[in-house]
Amino acid sequence: MKRFDLDGGLLLRQFEDTDADILFESVGSNYDHLRTFLHWVVPEFSLESSKTFIRNCAESSEKGEATTYGIFLNDEFAGVISCFHLDKHSRRMEIGYWISAKFEGNGIITHSCKALIAYAFNELKLNRVEIKCATENGRSRAIPERLGFKLEGVLRESEWRHTRFYDMAIYGLLRNEWKEAN
């Protein structure tokens, strides 16, 4: 099971069955913070939803389709980061993330993304990493911009979130661009 022990007490590790409670509690206590941009944050989200999510993450990882990590800072659950849409033939993947309001603005997602980008390019030998986020989500968009991703376009009204469609910004980073910058 892959894990990333990063500086400053930051740990990325795959979820375990015993994490269902902390995931459920975190989503509940961050409901308003997360709801706008995450389609799965709904009033019906339950402990069973957390358990199902963790099972689905394990299955996707076993199939080599995606890997999802809990983000922990000094053993406290802070958020989630995923590598998904992994396409080994085209050597690309997408990264998605969310963080609890309490931990926002501390560089945790940026640091976590750096670890997964390095893993993608150095160990998985991928050529491309993508991040897609709502154009209105300035905090989320700042992450790929800070990491040297290029804005490649906007998909107009491409994703439904609760009450309306959102435009999604597509950012891409190529292996050679990452190597030159690091």
Foldseek 3Di string as FASTA:
>chain_A
DDKDCDPQQKIWDQDDLVCLVLVQVLCVVQLVVPQQWDQPSDPPCDSVVSNVVSVVQVVCVVVVAKHKIFIAHNNHTWWIKMWHNQDLVQQETEMDIDTRPVPPPPCSVLRVVVVVVCCSCPPSVGFKYKYKGFPPPVSSVVNCVVLVWDFPDWACQPDDRDPGGTIMTMTMDGSVNNVVVD
